Amino acid sequence: MFKKNKRKKEHRYYRGKRRKKSNFWSKLTSKFLWVFIIFLIILLGVYAFSFYHKLSQPEAKEQRKPTLARVQILNGCSKSEGVDLAQKMSKRLEQLKVDNIVYQIVNIEKPELGSMGLEDSEVEESMILDRMGNEKNGSPSEVALSTAKALGISPQNVIYKRLKNNYQDVSLTILIGNDYKILFTQPKKHD
């Protein structure tokens, strides 16, 4: 009746899988992936080097931002012999190089000293009135002390005194006294 087809059975112990033919797009994505991985490794290396370089540099080399000091110059000297000392001091401050301080002249005048609370009609020693010092303990700021040192004013003549109505945002008030000649002498350069 029905005849069975008898096939001869073949036994293979290893049967290889058929490889799919690789097309252009799969090769391209594979190469792109390797290029991307290499790029990420290089980028990570550059980042690690820059991070190490930043940590290894000392903090002293970092550039500080300049400090703006708004200055009011008052001429309290009666022995100036017609020389406009306030204008001369303005020019001196523009040429002065102190730390990282930039001076901006806000006001120049010859005031009535009685209105400032000074009893004498003239000021014997030049002084700096610091308007931005430490209010808690009344100590002057570093800007005021550095400016005094550069001008030759004694640190005892740097006083913290707050202005009530500081609408011009004055940082320092330089009051020129009868010892004005020390303010305009050039400091000796140390070799």
N, C-alpha and C. Protein backbone atom coordinates (compact mmCIF):
# COMPACT_ATOMS: atom_id res chain seq x y z
N MET A 1 0.78 -1.13 0.00
CA MET A 1 0.00 0.00 0.00
C MET A 1 0.85 1.23 0.00
N PHE A 2 1.05 1.65 1.13
CA PHE A 2 1.93 2.83 1.09
C PHE A 2 3.36 2.38 1.30
N LYS A 3 4.12 2.92 0.47
CA LYS A 3 5.53 2.62 0.61
C LYS A 3 6.19 3.76 1.36
N LYS A 4 6.95 3.39 2.24
CA LYS A 4 7.66 4.39 3.00
C LYS A 4 8.97 4.67 2.31
N ASN A 5 9.19 5.95 2.23
CA ASN A 5 10.48 6.35 1.69
C ASN A 5 11.53 6.23 2.80
N LYS A 6 12.34 5.44 2.51
CA LYS A 6 13.40 5.27 3.48
C LYS A 6 14.58 6.08 3.01
N ARG A 7 14.91 6.97 3.87
CA ARG A 7 16.09 7.76 3.56
C ARG A 7 17.22 7.29 4.42
N LYS A 8 18.27 7.41 3.86
CA LYS A 8 19.44 7.03 4.59
C LYS A 8 19.77 8.17 5.54
N LYS A 9 19.92 7.88 6.78
CA LYS A 9 20.22 8.89 7.75
C LYS A 9 21.71 9.17 7.75
N GLU A 10 21.97 10.45 7.74
CA GLU A 10 23.36 10.85 7.81
C GLU A 10 23.58 11.50 9.17
N HIS A 11 24.58 11.07 9.79
CA HIS A 11 24.90 11.62 11.10
C HIS A 11 26.15 12.49 10.98
N ARG A 12 25.98 13.69 11.42
CA ARG A 12 27.13 14.59 11.48
C ARG A 12 27.31 15.01 12.92
N TYR A 13 28.50 14.93 13.32
CA TYR A 13 28.77 15.32 14.68
C TYR A 13 28.91 16.83 14.83
N TYR A 14 29.40 17.47 13.85
CA TYR A 14 29.52 18.92 13.88
C TYR A 14 28.81 19.47 12.69
N ARG A 15 27.92 20.33 13.00
CA ARG A 15 27.17 20.93 11.92
C ARG A 15 27.40 22.43 11.98
N GLY A 16 28.01 22.98 11.07
CA GLY A 16 28.30 24.41 11.05
C GLY A 16 27.06 25.24 10.79
N LYS A 17 27.02 26.36 11.45
CA LYS A 17 25.88 27.26 11.24
C LYS A 17 26.15 28.09 10.01
N ARG A 18 25.10 28.40 9.42
CA ARG A 18 25.24 29.25 8.24
C ARG A 18 25.53 30.68 8.68
N ARG A 19 26.49 31.25 8.06
CA ARG A 19 26.80 32.64 8.34
C ARG A 19 25.97 33.51 7.44
N LYS A 20 25.47 34.54 8.09
CA LYS A 20 24.72 35.50 7.29
C LYS A 20 25.72 36.38 6.58
N LYS A 21 25.39 36.73 5.44
CA LYS A 21 26.26 37.63 4.71
C LYS A 21 26.16 39.01 5.34
N SER A 22 27.33 39.56 5.72
CA SER A 22 27.31 40.87 6.35
C SER A 22 27.13 41.92 5.28
N ASN A 23 26.29 42.82 5.63
CA ASN A 23 26.04 43.88 4.65
C ASN A 23 26.83 45.14 5.02
N PHE A 24 26.72 46.13 4.20
CA PHE A 24 27.47 47.37 4.34
C PHE A 24 27.13 48.10 5.63
N TRP A 25 25.87 48.16 6.00
CA TRP A 25 25.44 48.94 7.17
C TRP A 25 25.93 48.33 8.47
N SER A 26 25.93 47.04 8.58
CA SER A 26 26.41 46.43 9.82
C SER A 26 27.91 46.65 10.00
N LYS A 27 28.68 46.62 8.91
CA LYS A 27 30.11 46.91 9.00
C LYS A 27 30.34 48.37 9.40
N LEU A 28 29.55 49.24 8.85
CA LEU A 28 29.71 50.66 9.14
C LEU A 28 29.38 50.97 10.60
N THR A 29 28.31 50.42 11.12
CA THR A 29 27.95 50.68 12.52
C THR A 29 28.98 50.06 13.46
N SER A 30 29.53 48.94 13.13
CA SER A 30 30.56 48.31 13.95
C SER A 30 31.82 49.19 14.01
N LYS A 31 32.24 49.71 12.89
CA LYS A 31 33.42 50.58 12.86
C LYS A 31 33.13 51.90 13.58
N PHE A 32 31.94 52.43 13.39
CA PHE A 32 31.57 53.68 14.08
C PHE A 32 31.58 53.49 15.59
N LEU A 33 31.11 52.34 16.06
CA LEU A 33 31.09 52.05 17.48
C LEU A 33 32.51 52.01 18.05
N TRP A 34 33.44 51.38 17.35
CA TRP A 34 34.82 51.33 17.81
C TRP A 34 35.47 52.71 17.81
N VAL A 35 35.20 53.51 16.81
CA VAL A 35 35.75 54.86 16.75
C VAL A 35 35.19 55.69 17.92
N PHE A 36 33.92 55.55 18.20
CA PHE A 36 33.30 56.28 19.30
C PHE A 36 33.89 55.87 20.65
N ILE A 37 34.13 54.58 20.85
CA ILE A 37 34.72 54.10 22.10
C ILE A 37 36.14 54.64 22.26
N ILE A 38 36.93 54.66 21.20
CA ILE A 38 38.29 55.20 21.26
C ILE A 38 38.25 56.70 21.55
N PHE A 39 37.32 57.42 20.95
CA PHE A 39 37.18 58.86 21.21
C PHE A 39 36.84 59.11 22.67
N LEU A 40 35.95 58.32 23.25
CA LEU A 40 35.59 58.48 24.66
C LEU A 40 36.78 58.19 25.58
N ILE A 41 37.60 57.22 25.24
CA ILE A 41 38.78 56.90 26.05
C ILE A 41 39.77 58.07 26.01
N ILE A 42 39.99 58.65 24.84
CA ILE A 42 40.89 59.80 24.71
C ILE A 42 40.34 60.99 25.48
N LEU A 43 39.06 61.25 25.36
CA LEU A 43 38.43 62.35 26.07
C LEU A 43 38.54 62.18 27.58
N LEU A 44 38.34 60.98 28.07
CA LEU A 44 38.48 60.69 29.49
C LEU A 44 39.92 60.89 29.95
N GLY A 45 40.89 60.52 29.13
CA GLY A 45 42.30 60.73 29.45
C GLY A 45 42.64 62.20 29.56
N VAL A 46 42.15 63.01 28.62
CA VAL A 46 42.40 64.46 28.65
C VAL A 46 41.77 65.07 29.90
N TYR A 47 40.57 64.67 30.22
CA TYR A 47 39.89 65.19 31.41
C TYR A 47 40.67 64.82 32.67
N ALA A 48 41.14 63.57 32.78
CA ALA A 48 41.89 63.13 33.96
C ALA A 48 43.20 63.92 34.09
N PHE A 49 43.88 64.17 32.97
CA PHE A 49 45.13 64.94 33.00
C PHE A 49 44.87 66.37 33.46
N SER A 50 43.83 67.01 32.93
CA SER A 50 43.56 68.40 33.31
C SER A 50 43.13 68.48 34.78
N PHE A 51 42.41 67.50 35.26
CA PHE A 51 42.01 67.47 36.67
C PHE A 51 43.24 67.33 37.57
N TYR A 52 44.16 66.44 37.20
CA TYR A 52 45.39 66.26 37.96
C TYR A 52 46.23 67.54 37.93
N HIS A 53 46.31 68.17 36.77
CA HIS A 53 47.10 69.40 36.62
C HIS A 53 46.53 70.51 37.49
N LYS A 54 45.21 70.64 37.56
CA LYS A 54 44.55 71.66 38.38
C LYS A 54 44.82 71.43 39.86
N LEU A 55 44.79 70.18 40.30
CA LEU A 55 45.02 69.87 41.71
C LEU A 55 46.48 70.03 42.11
N SER A 56 47.39 69.84 41.18
CA SER A 56 48.81 69.89 41.52
C SER A 56 49.36 71.31 41.58
N GLN A 57 48.64 72.30 41.05
CA GLN A 57 49.13 73.68 41.09
C GLN A 57 48.85 74.29 42.45
N PRO A 58 49.83 75.04 43.00
CA PRO A 58 49.58 75.69 44.29
C PRO A 58 48.58 76.83 44.15
N GLU A 59 47.90 77.12 45.26
CA GLU A 59 46.87 78.15 45.25
C GLU A 59 47.43 79.56 45.11
N ALA A 60 48.68 79.75 45.47
CA ALA A 60 49.29 81.09 45.43
C ALA A 60 49.37 81.63 44.01
N LYS A 61 49.41 80.75 43.02
CA LYS A 61 49.54 81.22 41.64
C LYS A 61 48.21 81.69 41.06
N GLU A 62 47.13 81.41 41.75
CA GLU A 62 45.83 81.83 41.23
C GLU A 62 45.72 83.34 41.21
N GLN A 63 45.19 83.87 40.15
CA GLN A 63 45.03 85.31 40.01
C GLN A 63 43.80 85.74 40.81
N ARG A 64 44.00 86.76 41.63
CA ARG A 64 42.88 87.31 42.38
C ARG A 64 42.20 88.38 41.54
N LYS A 65 40.93 88.52 41.76
CA LYS A 65 40.20 89.58 41.07
C LYS A 65 40.61 90.92 41.67
N PRO A 66 40.68 91.96 40.85
CA PRO A 66 41.04 93.27 41.39
C PRO A 66 39.96 93.80 42.33
N THR A 67 40.42 94.49 43.37
CA THR A 67 39.53 95.11 44.34
C THR A 67 39.36 96.57 43.96
N LEU A 68 38.13 97.01 43.85
CA LEU A 68 37.84 98.40 43.51
C LEU A 68 37.71 99.20 44.80
N ALA A 69 38.53 100.25 44.91
CA ALA A 69 38.46 101.15 46.06
C ALA A 69 38.01 102.52 45.56
N ARG A 70 36.83 102.93 45.99
CA ARG A 70 36.31 104.25 45.61
C ARG A 70 36.82 105.25 46.66
N VAL A 71 37.57 106.24 46.18
CA VAL A 71 38.32 107.12 47.07
C VAL A 71 37.78 108.55 47.03
N GLN A 72 37.68 109.12 48.22
CA GLN A 72 37.36 110.53 48.39
C GLN A 72 38.63 111.19 48.93
N ILE A 73 39.08 112.27 48.28
CA ILE A 73 40.30 112.95 48.70
C ILE A 73 39.92 114.32 49.26
N LEU A 74 40.35 114.57 50.50
CA LEU A 74 40.06 115.84 51.16
C LEU A 74 41.38 116.52 51.51
N ASN A 75 41.47 117.80 51.20
CA ASN A 75 42.67 118.57 51.49
C ASN A 75 42.46 119.31 52.81
N GLY A 76 43.14 118.85 53.85
CA GLY A 76 43.03 119.48 55.17
C GLY A 76 44.28 120.25 55.53
N CYS A 77 45.10 120.54 54.54
CA CYS A 77 46.38 121.21 54.79
C CYS A 77 46.25 122.70 54.51
N SER A 78 46.79 123.52 55.41
CA SER A 78 46.76 124.96 55.18
C SER A 78 48.11 125.47 54.69
N LYS A 79 49.13 124.61 54.68
CA LYS A 79 50.48 125.03 54.30
C LYS A 79 50.85 124.58 52.89
N SER A 80 49.88 124.41 52.03
CA SER A 80 50.16 123.88 50.69
C SER A 80 50.69 124.92 49.73
N GLU A 81 50.68 126.18 50.11
CA GLU A 81 51.25 127.27 49.33
C GLU A 81 50.69 127.32 47.90
N GLY A 82 49.40 127.22 47.77
CA GLY A 82 48.74 127.36 46.48
C GLY A 82 48.75 126.11 45.62
N VAL A 83 49.39 125.05 46.06
CA VAL A 83 49.41 123.80 45.29
C VAL A 83 48.12 123.05 45.57
N ASP A 84 47.47 122.59 44.52
CA ASP A 84 46.23 121.82 44.70
C ASP A 84 46.61 120.37 45.03
N LEU A 85 46.73 120.08 46.31
CA LEU A 85 47.20 118.78 46.75
C LEU A 85 46.21 117.66 46.44
N ALA A 86 44.94 117.96 46.47
CA ALA A 86 43.94 116.92 46.20
C ALA A 86 44.06 116.43 44.75
N GLN A 87 44.25 117.34 43.81
CA GLN A 87 44.44 116.95 42.40
C GLN A 87 45.74 116.16 42.23
N LYS A 88 46.77 116.59 42.93
CA LYS A 88 48.06 115.91 42.86
C LYS A 88 47.94 114.49 43.44
N MET A 89 47.19 114.35 44.53
CA MET A 89 46.98 113.03 45.14
C MET A 89 46.17 112.13 44.21
N SER A 90 45.24 112.72 43.50
CA SER A 90 44.45 111.96 42.53
C SER A 90 45.36 111.34 41.46
N LYS A 91 46.29 112.12 40.95
CA LYS A 91 47.23 111.61 39.94
C LYS A 91 48.16 110.56 40.54
N ARG A 92 48.54 110.77 41.79
CA ARG A 92 49.42 109.80 42.46
C ARG A 92 48.73 108.46 42.64
N LEU A 93 47.46 108.47 43.00
CA LEU A 93 46.72 107.22 43.17
C LEU A 93 46.53 106.47 41.85
N GLU A 94 46.38 107.22 40.77
CA GLU A 94 46.23 106.57 39.46
C GLU A 94 47.50 105.82 39.08
N GLN A 95 48.66 106.30 39.52
CA GLN A 95 49.93 105.67 39.19
C GLN A 95 50.33 104.61 40.22
N LEU A 96 49.68 104.60 41.36
CA LEU A 96 50.06 103.72 42.45
C LEU A 96 49.66 102.28 42.15
N LYS A 97 50.60 101.37 42.34
CA LYS A 97 50.34 99.94 42.15
C LYS A 97 50.43 99.26 43.51
N VAL A 98 49.28 98.96 44.08
CA VAL A 98 49.21 98.31 45.39
C VAL A 98 48.43 97.02 45.24
N ASP A 99 49.09 95.91 45.57
CA ASP A 99 48.47 94.58 45.50
C ASP A 99 47.61 94.44 44.25
N ASN A 100 46.35 94.25 44.45
CA ASN A 100 45.41 94.08 43.35
C ASN A 100 44.30 95.13 43.45
N ILE A 101 44.66 96.33 43.88
CA ILE A 101 43.66 97.37 44.16
C ILE A 101 43.61 98.35 42.99
N VAL A 102 42.41 98.64 42.55
CA VAL A 102 42.18 99.64 41.52
C VAL A 102 41.47 100.81 42.20
N TYR A 103 42.05 102.00 42.07
CA TYR A 103 41.49 103.19 42.73
C TYR A 103 40.61 103.95 41.76
N GLN A 104 39.44 104.33 42.23
CA GLN A 104 38.52 105.16 41.46
C GLN A 104 38.22 106.40 42.31
N ILE A 105 38.59 107.56 41.79
CA ILE A 105 38.41 108.80 42.53
C ILE A 105 36.95 109.24 42.39
N VAL A 106 36.29 109.42 43.53
CA VAL A 106 34.88 109.76 43.55
C VAL A 106 34.68 111.25 43.78
N ASN A 107 35.46 111.81 44.73
CA ASN A 107 35.23 113.18 45.15
C ASN A 107 36.56 113.81 45.57
N ILE A 108 36.78 115.05 45.13
CA ILE A 108 37.97 115.81 45.53
C ILE A 108 37.48 117.17 46.02
N GLU A 109 37.90 117.55 47.24
CA GLU A 109 37.46 118.86 47.74
C GLU A 109 38.33 119.32 48.90
N LYS A 110 38.18 120.58 49.25
CA LYS A 110 38.80 121.15 50.46
C LYS A 110 37.64 121.49 51.39
N PRO A 111 37.37 120.61 52.34
CA PRO A 111 36.18 120.77 53.18
C PRO A 111 36.43 121.70 54.36
N GLU A 112 35.34 122.03 55.00
CA GLU A 112 35.44 122.70 56.30
C GLU A 112 35.63 121.59 57.33
N LEU A 113 36.74 121.64 58.01
CA LEU A 113 37.08 120.55 58.92
C LEU A 113 36.14 120.47 60.12
N GLY A 114 35.55 121.59 60.50
CA GLY A 114 34.60 121.58 61.61
C GLY A 114 33.39 120.72 61.30
N SER A 115 32.99 120.66 60.04
CA SER A 115 31.85 119.82 59.65
C SER A 115 32.19 118.34 59.74
N MET A 116 33.49 118.03 59.76
CA MET A 116 33.90 116.63 59.86
C MET A 116 34.15 116.20 61.30
N GLY A 117 33.99 117.11 62.22
CA GLY A 117 34.23 116.78 63.62
C GLY A 117 35.67 117.01 64.05
N LEU A 118 36.45 117.70 63.22
CA LEU A 118 37.83 118.02 63.58
C LEU A 118 37.88 119.43 64.13
N GLU A 119 38.52 119.60 65.28
CA GLU A 119 38.51 120.89 65.96
C GLU A 119 39.49 121.88 65.35
N ASP A 120 40.65 121.41 64.97
CA ASP A 120 41.66 122.32 64.45
C ASP A 120 41.28 122.78 63.04
N SER A 121 41.82 123.92 62.68
CA SER A 121 41.55 124.42 61.33
C SER A 121 42.44 123.73 60.31
N GLU A 122 43.38 122.95 60.78
CA GLU A 122 44.25 122.21 59.87
C GLU A 122 44.57 120.86 60.48
N VAL A 123 44.97 119.94 59.63
CA VAL A 123 45.30 118.59 60.05
C VAL A 123 46.82 118.46 60.04
N GLU A 124 47.40 118.05 61.15
CA GLU A 124 48.87 117.94 61.24
C GLU A 124 49.38 116.74 60.44
N GLU A 125 48.79 115.57 60.65
CA GLU A 125 49.24 114.35 59.97
C GLU A 125 48.16 113.85 59.02
N SER A 126 48.59 113.37 57.88
CA SER A 126 47.65 112.79 56.91
C SER A 126 47.07 111.51 57.48
N MET A 127 45.84 111.24 57.11
CA MET A 127 45.19 110.04 57.62
C MET A 127 44.25 109.45 56.57
N ILE A 128 43.91 108.21 56.79
CA ILE A 128 42.94 107.52 55.93
C ILE A 128 41.77 107.11 56.80
N LEU A 129 40.58 107.52 56.39
CA LEU A 129 39.35 107.11 57.06
C LEU A 129 38.78 105.95 56.25
N ASP A 130 38.77 104.80 56.87
CA ASP A 130 38.31 103.59 56.18
C ASP A 130 36.80 103.48 56.32
N ARG A 131 36.12 103.39 55.22
CA ARG A 131 34.65 103.32 55.23
C ARG A 131 34.11 101.90 55.08
N MET A 132 35.00 100.92 54.87
CA MET A 132 34.51 99.55 54.65
C MET A 132 35.19 98.54 55.57
N GLY A 133 35.69 98.96 56.70
CA GLY A 133 36.38 98.07 57.63
C GLY A 133 35.43 97.16 58.37
N ASN A 134 35.95 96.50 59.38
CA ASN A 134 35.17 95.57 60.17
C ASN A 134 34.35 96.35 61.20
N GLU A 135 33.06 96.33 61.05
CA GLU A 135 32.18 97.11 61.92
C GLU A 135 32.11 96.54 63.34
N LYS A 136 32.29 95.24 63.48
CA LYS A 136 32.17 94.61 64.80
C LYS A 136 33.27 95.05 65.75
N ASN A 137 34.52 95.00 65.29
CA ASN A 137 35.61 95.39 66.19
C ASN A 137 36.26 96.72 65.81
N GLY A 138 35.76 97.38 64.78
CA GLY A 138 36.24 98.70 64.41
C GLY A 138 37.62 98.72 63.79
N SER A 139 38.06 97.61 63.27
CA SER A 139 39.40 97.56 62.66
C SER A 139 39.33 97.90 61.18
N PRO A 140 40.38 98.56 60.67
CA PRO A 140 40.39 98.94 59.25
C PRO A 140 40.60 97.73 58.34
N SER A 141 40.23 97.88 57.10
CA SER A 141 40.35 96.80 56.12
C SER A 141 41.79 96.70 55.61
N GLU A 142 42.07 95.58 54.93
CA GLU A 142 43.39 95.37 54.33
C GLU A 142 43.66 96.37 53.22
N VAL A 143 42.62 96.77 52.51
CA VAL A 143 42.77 97.76 51.43
C VAL A 143 43.28 99.08 52.00
N ALA A 144 42.70 99.51 53.11
CA ALA A 144 43.11 100.77 53.74
C ALA A 144 44.53 100.68 54.27
N LEU A 145 44.87 99.58 54.90
CA LEU A 145 46.22 99.42 55.45
C LEU A 145 47.27 99.34 54.35
N SER A 146 46.96 98.64 53.26
CA SER A 146 47.91 98.54 52.14
C SER A 146 48.11 99.90 51.47
N THR A 147 47.03 100.66 51.33
CA THR A 147 47.13 102.00 50.73
C THR A 147 47.96 102.92 51.63
N ALA A 148 47.74 102.85 52.93
CA ALA A 148 48.50 103.68 53.87
C ALA A 148 49.99 103.35 53.80
N LYS A 149 50.30 102.08 53.72
CA LYS A 149 51.70 101.66 53.65
C LYS A 149 52.35 102.19 52.37
N ALA A 150 51.62 102.11 51.24
CA ALA A 150 52.17 102.57 49.96
C ALA A 150 52.35 104.09 49.94
N LEU A 151 51.48 104.82 50.63
CA LEU A 151 51.57 106.28 50.65
C LEU A 151 52.51 106.81 51.74
N GLY A 152 52.90 105.96 52.68
CA GLY A 152 53.78 106.40 53.76
C GLY A 152 53.03 106.92 54.97
N ILE A 153 51.76 106.62 55.07
CA ILE A 153 50.94 107.04 56.22
C ILE A 153 51.08 105.99 57.32
N SER A 154 51.25 106.43 58.52
CA SER A 154 51.40 105.54 59.66
C SER A 154 50.12 104.71 59.86
N PRO A 155 50.25 103.43 60.23
CA PRO A 155 49.06 102.60 60.47
C PRO A 155 48.17 103.13 61.60
N GLN A 156 48.75 103.91 62.50
CA GLN A 156 47.94 104.49 63.57
C GLN A 156 47.01 105.56 63.03
N ASN A 157 47.31 106.10 61.86
CA ASN A 157 46.47 107.12 61.25
C ASN A 157 45.46 106.54 60.26
N VAL A 158 45.26 105.23 60.31
CA VAL A 158 44.21 104.58 59.53
C VAL A 158 43.10 104.25 60.50
N ILE A 159 41.97 104.91 60.32
CA ILE A 159 40.86 104.82 61.28
C ILE A 159 39.61 104.31 60.57
N TYR A 160 38.92 103.41 61.23
CA TYR A 160 37.63 102.97 60.70
C TYR A 160 36.56 103.97 61.14
N LYS A 161 35.90 104.56 60.18
CA LYS A 161 34.81 105.50 60.48
C LYS A 161 33.76 105.38 59.38
N ARG A 162 32.62 104.88 59.75
CA ARG A 162 31.54 104.65 58.80
C ARG A 162 30.85 105.96 58.45
N LEU A 163 30.45 106.09 57.18
CA LEU A 163 29.66 107.25 56.75
C LEU A 163 28.18 106.95 56.94
N LYS A 164 27.44 107.94 57.39
CA LYS A 164 25.99 107.73 57.57
C LYS A 164 25.29 107.62 56.23
N ASN A 165 25.51 108.58 55.38
CA ASN A 165 24.86 108.60 54.05
C ASN A 165 25.94 108.39 52.99
N ASN A 166 26.28 107.16 52.76
CA ASN A 166 27.34 106.83 51.80
C ASN A 166 26.72 106.52 50.44
N TYR A 167 26.06 107.50 49.85
CA TYR A 167 25.37 107.28 48.58
C TYR A 167 26.35 107.15 47.42
N GLN A 168 27.60 107.60 47.58
CA GLN A 168 28.60 107.46 46.53
C GLN A 168 29.40 106.16 46.69
N ASP A 169 29.08 105.40 47.69
CA ASP A 169 29.75 104.13 47.96
C ASP A 169 31.26 104.32 48.11
N VAL A 170 31.64 105.26 48.95
CA VAL A 170 33.05 105.58 49.18
C VAL A 170 33.68 104.49 50.04
N SER A 171 34.85 104.01 49.63
CA SER A 171 35.57 102.99 50.40
C SER A 171 36.59 103.62 51.33
N LEU A 172 37.32 104.62 50.82
CA LEU A 172 38.37 105.27 51.60
C LEU A 172 38.25 106.78 51.47
N THR A 173 38.57 107.47 52.55
CA THR A 173 38.70 108.93 52.51
C THR A 173 40.13 109.25 52.90
N ILE A 174 40.86 109.86 51.99
CA ILE A 174 42.23 110.26 52.29
C ILE A 174 42.21 111.73 52.67
N LEU A 175 42.65 112.02 53.88
CA LEU A 175 42.68 113.38 54.39
C LEU A 175 44.14 113.83 54.40
N ILE A 176 44.46 114.79 53.55
CA ILE A 176 45.83 115.26 53.42
C ILE A 176 46.12 116.29 54.51
N GLY A 177 47.20 116.05 55.24
CA GLY A 177 47.58 116.94 56.34
C GLY A 177 48.81 117.77 56.00
N ASN A 178 49.35 118.43 57.03
CA ASN A 178 50.52 119.28 56.83
C ASN A 178 51.79 118.49 56.51
N ASP A 179 51.77 117.19 56.72
CA ASP A 179 52.91 116.35 56.36
C ASP A 179 52.78 115.81 54.93
N TYR A 180 52.15 116.59 54.06
CA TYR A 180 51.81 116.15 52.72
C TYR A 180 53.02 115.73 51.88
N LYS A 181 54.22 116.19 52.22
CA LYS A 181 55.40 115.88 51.41
C LYS A 181 55.72 114.39 51.42
N ILE A 182 55.41 113.69 52.53
CA ILE A 182 55.68 112.25 52.57
C ILE A 182 54.77 111.47 51.62
N LEU A 183 53.61 112.03 51.30
CA LEU A 183 52.66 111.34 50.42
C LEU A 183 53.13 111.32 48.97
N PHE A 184 53.95 112.29 48.60
CA PHE A 184 54.33 112.41 47.20
C PHE A 184 55.76 111.99 46.92
N THR A 185 56.45 111.46 47.93
CA THR A 185 57.78 110.92 47.70
C THR A 185 57.65 109.49 47.22
N GLN A 186 58.47 109.13 46.27
CA GLN A 186 58.45 107.77 45.73
C GLN A 186 59.07 106.82 46.75
N PRO A 187 58.45 105.69 47.00
CA PRO A 187 59.05 104.73 47.95
C PRO A 187 60.35 104.18 47.39
N LYS A 188 61.29 103.88 48.29
CA LYS A 188 62.56 103.30 47.87
C LYS A 188 62.34 101.88 47.41
N LYS A 189 62.95 101.54 46.27
CA LYS A 189 62.83 100.19 45.74
C LYS A 189 63.90 99.32 46.37
N HIS A 190 63.48 98.16 46.79
CA HIS A 190 64.42 97.22 47.40
C HIS A 190 65.00 96.36 46.31
N ASP A 191 66.35 96.25 46.30
CA ASP A 191 67.03 95.45 45.26
C ASP A 191 67.08 94.00 45.68
